[in-house]
């Protein structure tokens, strides 16, 4: 019982951190896509 309650408390505390991590991950993916697109365009130009 104690472990479950601690897990719930941790998830509530981490909600902001997890949201921030998701945003960072999405930004990284977008940057990777943009960099790959510009790299591909550089071959055509």
N, C-alpha and C. Protein backbone atom coordinates (compact mmCIF):
# COMPACT_ATOMS: atom_id res chain seq x y z
N UNK A 1 0.83 -1.21 0.00
CA UNK A 1 0.00 0.00 0.00
C UNK A 1 0.86 1.26 0.00
N UNK A 2 1.94 1.22 0.80
CA UNK A 2 2.80 2.41 0.92
C UNK A 2 3.45 2.73 -0.43
N UNK A 3 3.92 1.71 -1.14
CA UNK A 3 4.59 1.93 -2.41
C UNK A 3 3.62 2.54 -3.44
N UNK A 4 2.37 2.08 -3.42
CA UNK A 4 1.39 2.62 -4.37
C UNK A 4 1.13 4.09 -4.10
N UNK A 5 0.97 4.46 -2.83
CA UNK A 5 0.70 5.86 -2.48
C UNK A 5 1.91 6.73 -2.85
N UNK A 6 3.11 6.22 -2.63
CA UNK A 6 4.32 6.98 -2.99
C UNK A 6 4.40 7.17 -4.50
N UNK A 7 4.04 6.13 -5.26
CA UNK A 7 4.07 6.22 -6.71
C UNK A 7 3.10 7.29 -7.21
N UNK A 8 1.89 7.33 -6.60
CA UNK A 8 0.90 8.33 -7.00
C UNK A 8 1.42 9.73 -6.70
N UNK A 9 2.03 9.92 -5.54
CA UNK A 9 2.57 11.22 -5.17
C UNK A 9 3.68 11.64 -6.14
N UNK A 10 4.52 10.69 -6.51
CA UNK A 10 5.62 10.98 -7.43
C UNK A 10 5.08 11.39 -8.80
N UNK A 11 4.05 10.70 -9.27
CA UNK A 11 3.50 11.02 -10.58
C UNK A 11 2.89 12.42 -10.57
N UNK A 12 2.24 12.79 -9.48
CA UNK A 12 1.65 14.13 -9.37
C UNK A 12 2.75 15.19 -9.38
N UNK A 13 3.83 14.93 -8.67
CA UNK A 13 4.93 15.88 -8.61
C UNK A 13 5.66 15.97 -9.96
N UNK A 14 5.73 14.86 -10.66
CA UNK A 14 6.48 14.81 -11.92
C UNK A 14 5.68 15.28 -13.13
N UNK A 15 4.41 15.59 -12.96
CA UNK A 15 3.56 15.93 -14.09
C UNK A 15 4.15 17.09 -14.90
N UNK A 16 4.60 18.14 -14.20
CA UNK A 16 5.20 19.29 -14.89
C UNK A 16 6.50 18.88 -15.58
N UNK A 17 7.31 18.09 -14.88
CA UNK A 17 8.59 17.66 -15.44
C UNK A 17 8.37 16.77 -16.67
N UNK A 18 7.40 15.85 -16.57
CA UNK A 18 7.11 14.96 -17.70
C UNK A 18 6.60 15.75 -18.89
N UNK A 19 5.74 16.74 -18.62
CA UNK A 19 5.22 17.58 -19.70
C UNK A 19 6.36 18.32 -20.38
N UNK A 20 7.30 18.85 -19.57
CA UNK A 20 8.45 19.57 -20.11
C UNK A 20 9.32 18.63 -20.95
N UNK A 21 9.52 17.40 -20.46
CA UNK A 21 10.32 16.42 -21.20
C UNK A 21 9.67 16.09 -22.53
N UNK A 22 8.33 15.95 -22.55
CA UNK A 22 7.64 15.67 -23.80
C UNK A 22 7.83 16.81 -24.78
N UNK A 23 7.72 18.04 -24.30
CA UNK A 23 7.90 19.22 -25.17
C UNK A 23 9.31 19.22 -25.75
N UNK A 24 10.31 18.92 -24.91
CA UNK A 24 11.71 18.89 -25.36
C UNK A 24 11.88 17.81 -26.43
N UNK A 25 11.27 16.64 -26.21
CA UNK A 25 11.37 15.54 -27.17
C UNK A 25 10.75 15.95 -28.51
N UNK A 26 9.56 16.59 -28.45
CA UNK A 26 8.91 17.03 -29.69
C UNK A 26 9.77 18.06 -30.42
N UNK A 27 10.38 18.98 -29.68
CA UNK A 27 11.24 20.00 -30.28
C UNK A 27 12.45 19.33 -30.96
N UNK A 28 13.02 18.35 -30.28
CA UNK A 28 14.17 17.63 -30.84
C UNK A 28 13.79 16.92 -32.13
N UNK A 29 12.60 16.29 -32.14
CA UNK A 29 12.14 15.59 -33.35
C UNK A 29 11.93 16.58 -34.49
N UNK A 30 11.31 17.72 -34.18
CA UNK A 30 11.07 18.75 -35.20
C UNK A 30 12.39 19.27 -35.75
N UNK A 31 13.36 19.51 -34.86
CA UNK A 31 14.67 19.99 -35.29
C UNK A 31 15.36 18.96 -36.19
N UNK A 32 15.24 17.68 -35.82
CA UNK A 32 15.84 16.62 -36.63
C UNK A 32 15.21 16.58 -38.02
N UNK A 33 13.88 16.70 -38.07
CA UNK A 33 13.18 16.70 -39.36
C UNK A 33 13.60 17.89 -40.21
N UNK A 34 13.65 19.08 -39.58
CA UNK A 34 14.04 20.29 -40.31
C UNK A 34 15.47 20.18 -40.82
N UNK A 35 16.38 19.68 -40.00
CA UNK A 35 17.78 19.55 -40.39
C UNK A 35 17.92 18.54 -41.54
N UNK A 36 17.15 17.45 -41.47
CA UNK A 36 17.21 16.44 -42.54
C UNK A 36 16.64 17.01 -43.83
N UNK A 37 15.57 17.81 -43.72
CA UNK A 37 14.97 18.43 -44.91
C UNK A 37 15.94 19.41 -45.55
N UNK A 38 16.58 20.24 -44.74
CA UNK A 38 17.54 21.21 -45.27
C UNK A 38 18.75 20.49 -45.87
N UNK A 39 19.16 19.38 -45.25
CA UNK A 39 20.28 18.58 -45.77
C UNK A 39 19.91 17.98 -47.12
N UNK A 40 18.67 17.51 -47.25
CA UNK A 40 18.19 16.95 -48.52
C UNK A 40 18.07 18.03 -49.59
N UNK A 41 17.59 19.22 -49.20
CA UNK A 41 17.45 20.32 -50.15
C UNK A 41 18.81 20.80 -50.65
N UNK A 42 19.82 20.76 -49.79
CA UNK A 42 21.16 21.22 -50.17
C UNK A 42 21.72 20.40 -51.34
N UNK A 43 21.31 19.12 -51.45
CA UNK A 43 21.77 18.29 -52.57
C UNK A 43 21.12 18.76 -53.88
N UNK A 44 19.86 19.15 -53.81
CA UNK A 44 19.13 19.57 -55.02
C UNK A 44 19.60 20.94 -55.51
N UNK A 45 19.95 21.82 -54.56
CA UNK A 45 20.33 23.19 -54.96
C UNK A 45 21.75 23.22 -55.53
